Protein backbone atom coordinates (compact mmCIF):
# COMPACT_ATOMS: atom_id res chain seq x y z
CA MET A 1 0.10 0.06 0.28
CA LEU A 2 1.12 3.48 -0.94
CA SER A 3 -0.04 6.15 1.54
CA ILE A 4 -0.13 9.82 0.15
CA ARG A 5 -0.53 13.01 2.41
CA ASN A 6 -1.18 16.46 1.96
CA LYS A 7 1.59 17.79 -0.78
CA ASP A 8 3.26 14.58 -1.38
CA LEU A 9 1.76 13.80 -4.61
CA TRP A 10 2.81 10.89 -6.81
CA CYS A 11 2.80 10.31 -10.52
CA PHE A 12 2.62 8.11 -13.55
CA TRP A 13 4.51 9.55 -16.42
CA PRO A 14 7.02 7.25 -16.98
CA THR A 15 8.34 8.97 -20.04
CA ARG A 16 9.60 11.62 -17.41
CA VAL A 17 11.40 8.40 -16.27
CA CYS A 18 12.86 6.47 -18.89
CA VAL A 19 11.80 8.15 -22.10
CA GLU A 20 14.61 6.03 -23.82
CA PHE A 21 12.82 2.32 -23.15
CA PHE A 22 9.01 2.66 -24.57
CA ASP A 23 7.78 1.55 -27.79
CA LEU A 24 4.68 2.78 -26.19
CA PRO A 25 4.92 4.35 -22.77
CA GLY A 26 1.97 3.38 -20.42
CA ASN A 27 1.11 7.53 -20.00
CA ALA A 28 0.73 7.57 -23.46
CA VAL A 29 -1.73 5.16 -23.59
CA ILE A 30 -4.23 6.98 -21.16
CA SER A 31 -5.40 9.31 -24.14
CA GLY A 32 -8.31 9.20 -26.43
CA GLN A 33 -6.53 7.42 -29.37
CA TYR A 34 -6.33 4.04 -27.46
CA ASN A 35 -8.41 1.47 -26.08
CA PHE A 36 -7.79 1.06 -22.38
CA LYS A 37 -8.60 0.13 -19.04
CA LEU A 38 -7.34 1.75 -15.69
CA GLU A 39 -8.06 0.12 -12.45
CA LEU A 40 -7.17 1.93 -9.11
CA ASP A 41 -8.25 0.67 -5.55
CA PHE A 42 -7.88 3.67 -2.78
CA ALA A 43 -9.29 5.05 -0.06
CA VAL A 44 -9.79 8.42 0.73
CA LYS A 45 -8.19 9.56 4.12
CA GLY A 46 -8.79 13.01 4.72
CA THR A 47 -9.16 16.50 3.11
CA HIS A 48 -7.53 19.64 3.07
CA GLY A 49 -10.25 22.21 2.38
CA ASP A 50 -13.36 22.00 0.55
CA LYS A 51 -12.62 19.61 -2.43
CA ALA A 52 -10.01 16.58 -2.29
CA THR A 53 -8.65 15.66 -5.69
CA ILE A 54 -8.32 11.34 -5.71
CA PHE A 55 -6.51 11.74 -9.27
CA SER A 56 -6.22 14.05 -12.28
CA ILE A 57 -5.01 13.48 -15.55
CA LEU A 58 -3.12 15.90 -17.20
CA PRO A 59 -2.92 18.37 -19.46
CA ILE A 60 -6.40 17.55 -20.42
CA TYR A 61 -8.08 17.79 -16.76
CA THR A 62 -9.67 14.86 -16.00
CA THR A 63 -10.56 14.24 -12.16
CA LEU A 64 -11.63 12.15 -9.88
CA ASN A 65 -13.00 14.83 -6.97
CA TYR A 66 -13.87 13.97 -3.13
CA TYR A 67 -16.20 16.96 -1.59
CA ASN A 68 -17.88 14.61 1.37
CA GLU A 69 -20.01 11.83 2.41
CA HIS A 70 -22.71 12.66 0.40
CA MET A 71 -21.09 14.39 -2.57
CA SER A 72 -18.17 13.76 -5.12
CA ASN A 73 -17.55 14.33 -9.02
CA VAL A 74 -15.80 13.33 -12.20
CA ASP A 75 -14.57 15.83 -14.83
CA VAL A 76 -13.68 14.51 -17.64
CA HIS A 77 -12.46 16.45 -21.17
CA THR A 78 -13.79 15.37 -24.21
CA LYS A 79 -13.03 16.48 -27.69
CA ASP A 80 -16.51 18.65 -26.92
CA GLY A 81 -15.35 20.21 -23.90
CA MET A 82 -15.39 19.62 -20.34
CA LYS A 83 -18.29 17.39 -19.18
CA TRP A 84 -19.12 16.40 -15.49
CA ASN A 85 -20.87 14.39 -13.52
CA ASP A 86 -21.90 14.72 -9.85
CA ILE A 87 -21.59 11.37 -7.73
CA LYS A 88 -23.73 11.30 -4.23
CA GLU A 89 -23.30 9.20 -1.82
CA VAL A 90 -20.75 6.57 -3.60
CA ILE A 91 -17.17 7.38 -2.11
CA LYS A 92 -17.10 7.07 1.93
CA LEU A 93 -13.73 7.88 3.95
CA ASN A 94 -11.41 5.47 5.09
CA LYS A 95 -13.42 2.77 2.91
CA LYS A 96 -11.74 0.88 0.00
CA HIS A 97 -12.92 1.59 -3.90
CA LYS A 98 -11.81 0.99 -7.20
CA VAL A 99 -12.34 3.37 -9.76
CA THR A 100 -12.55 1.76 -13.55
CA ILE A 101 -11.89 4.02 -16.65
CA THR A 102 -12.88 2.35 -19.65
CA ASN A 103 -11.98 4.00 -22.74
CA VAL A 104 -12.92 2.98 -26.72
CA ALA A 105 -10.42 4.63 -29.07
CA ASN A 106 -12.56 7.41 -30.86
CA GLY A 107 -15.53 6.67 -29.02
CA ALA A 108 -17.16 6.22 -25.38
CA ILE A 109 -15.14 6.56 -22.24
CA THR A 110 -16.95 5.20 -19.22
CA ILE A 111 -15.82 5.54 -15.44
CA GLU A 112 -16.91 3.12 -12.83
CA ILE A 113 -16.63 3.35 -8.90
CA ASP A 114 -17.52 -0.03 -7.35
CA ASN A 115 -19.06 -1.55 -10.43
CA LYS A 116 -21.63 1.52 -10.62
CA VAL A 117 -20.86 3.51 -13.87
CA VAL A 118 -20.62 7.33 -12.62
CA PHE A 119 -19.93 8.81 -16.16
CA GLU A 120 -20.15 8.04 -19.97
CA GLY A 121 -19.34 10.38 -22.54
CA GLU A 122 -17.92 10.39 -26.04
CA GLY A 123 -14.58 11.56 -27.14
CA PHE A 124 -12.04 11.39 -24.62
CA SER A 125 -9.68 14.12 -25.55
CA GLU A 126 -5.73 13.11 -26.69
CA GLU A 127 -2.78 13.85 -25.85
CA ASN A 128 0.59 12.77 -26.65
CA ASP A 129 2.07 12.69 -23.17
CA PRO A 130 -0.33 12.72 -20.42
CA GLN A 131 0.35 12.40 -17.03
CA LEU A 132 -1.56 10.95 -13.69
CA ILE A 133 -1.04 12.75 -10.54
CA PHE A 134 -2.39 10.86 -7.38
CA GLY A 135 -3.07 12.65 -4.25
CA GLY A 136 -3.77 16.06 -6.06
CA GLY A 137 -5.30 17.97 -8.96
CA ASN A 138 -2.29 19.64 -10.64
CA PHE A 139 1.76 19.97 -10.33
CA PRO A 140 2.73 21.57 -7.01
CA TYR A 141 4.52 24.37 -9.05
CA ASN A 142 1.21 25.25 -10.80
CA GLU A 143 -0.63 26.80 -7.73
CA GLU A 144 -4.03 26.55 -8.80
CA SER A 145 -6.32 23.42 -8.58
CA LEU A 146 -4.48 21.40 -6.03
CA ASN A 147 -6.82 20.39 -4.06
CA TYR A 148 -4.37 17.80 -1.88
CA SER A 149 -5.93 14.82 -0.55
CA ASP A 150 -4.47 12.22 1.90
CA LEU A 151 -5.17 8.55 -0.05
CA ASP A 152 -3.90 5.01 0.61
CA LEU A 153 -3.52 3.52 -2.87
CA TYR A 154 -3.77 -0.73 -3.13
CA GLU A 155 -3.51 -1.35 -6.44
CA PHE A 156 -2.79 0.35 -9.83
CA LYS A 157 -3.40 -1.89 -13.32
CA LEU A 158 -3.25 -0.30 -16.58
CA TYR A 159 -4.43 -2.43 -19.70
CA LYS A 160 -3.82 -1.62 -23.58
CA ASP A 161 -6.78 -3.47 -25.34
CA GLU A 162 -6.72 -6.62 -23.28
CA GLU A 163 -2.73 -6.43 -22.57
CA LEU A 164 -1.91 -5.60 -18.96
CA ILE A 165 0.98 -2.89 -19.40
CA SER A 166 1.60 -1.55 -16.08
CA HIS A 167 0.64 -3.27 -12.53
CA HIS A 168 1.53 -1.87 -9.08
CA LYS A 169 0.56 -3.20 -5.86
CA PHE A 170 2.61 -0.78 -3.95
CA GLU A 171 4.50 -3.12 -2.28
CA GLU A 172 8.22 -2.57 -3.69
CA TYR A 173 10.27 0.71 -4.28
CA ILE A 174 13.44 1.89 -5.81
CA TYR A 175 14.74 5.47 -5.24
CA ASP A 176 10.94 6.60 -4.59
CA LYS A 177 9.35 4.78 -7.59
CA SER A 178 7.20 2.17 -7.55
CA VAL A 179 8.18 -1.23 -9.10
CA ASP A 180 6.22 -2.21 -12.17
CA LEU A 181 5.18 -5.96 -12.03
CA THR A 182 4.80 -6.15 -15.82
CA ASP A 183 8.34 -5.08 -15.85
CA ASN A 184 7.80 -2.34 -18.48
CA CYS A 185 9.31 0.36 -16.38
CA ASN A 186 5.54 2.27 -16.33
CA PHE A 187 6.86 3.09 -13.27
CA ILE A 188 4.90 5.24 -10.64
CA PHE A 189 6.51 7.89 -8.61
CA LYS A 190 7.09 10.75 -6.07
CA LEU A 191 7.04 14.00 -7.32
């Protein structure tokens, strides 16, 4: 398990770590141009302000946010602009949840929390080098949309088509990088 605490963000951006090793890095897959499925098991442990971001995909600003026991939301940047959906009575403090994002290239994107669909839309935005940040809405140096949260991450999986290309159980670390169990060097690292 990886415990992320206030302002202690982690990031899935393998091209930042070792660009020369990849034919297709995991972070490039989390764009609208590929079929992918992303799974994340997490628990929100606390908030620092009115809103806490669980994860954010930048620069296409797609986020899962927690407000309180009664309200959360998901913002998704599509080719038609920002779309969002309120999520009521789903995410609870100190409870383990699973978020699953499924994207069909140039088609639909679906987000589920604990096997309940919370968002469906068309045309997920495309970006060549997206970054996935855990525990906040933006890089700390940007000083906007930070929305820090305290999180525990239990497991992360990323599939391209049906192939598992990144898997983290957050049990082994090398120099502040979670080891990718697929040996594809798709690291999650401390910012």
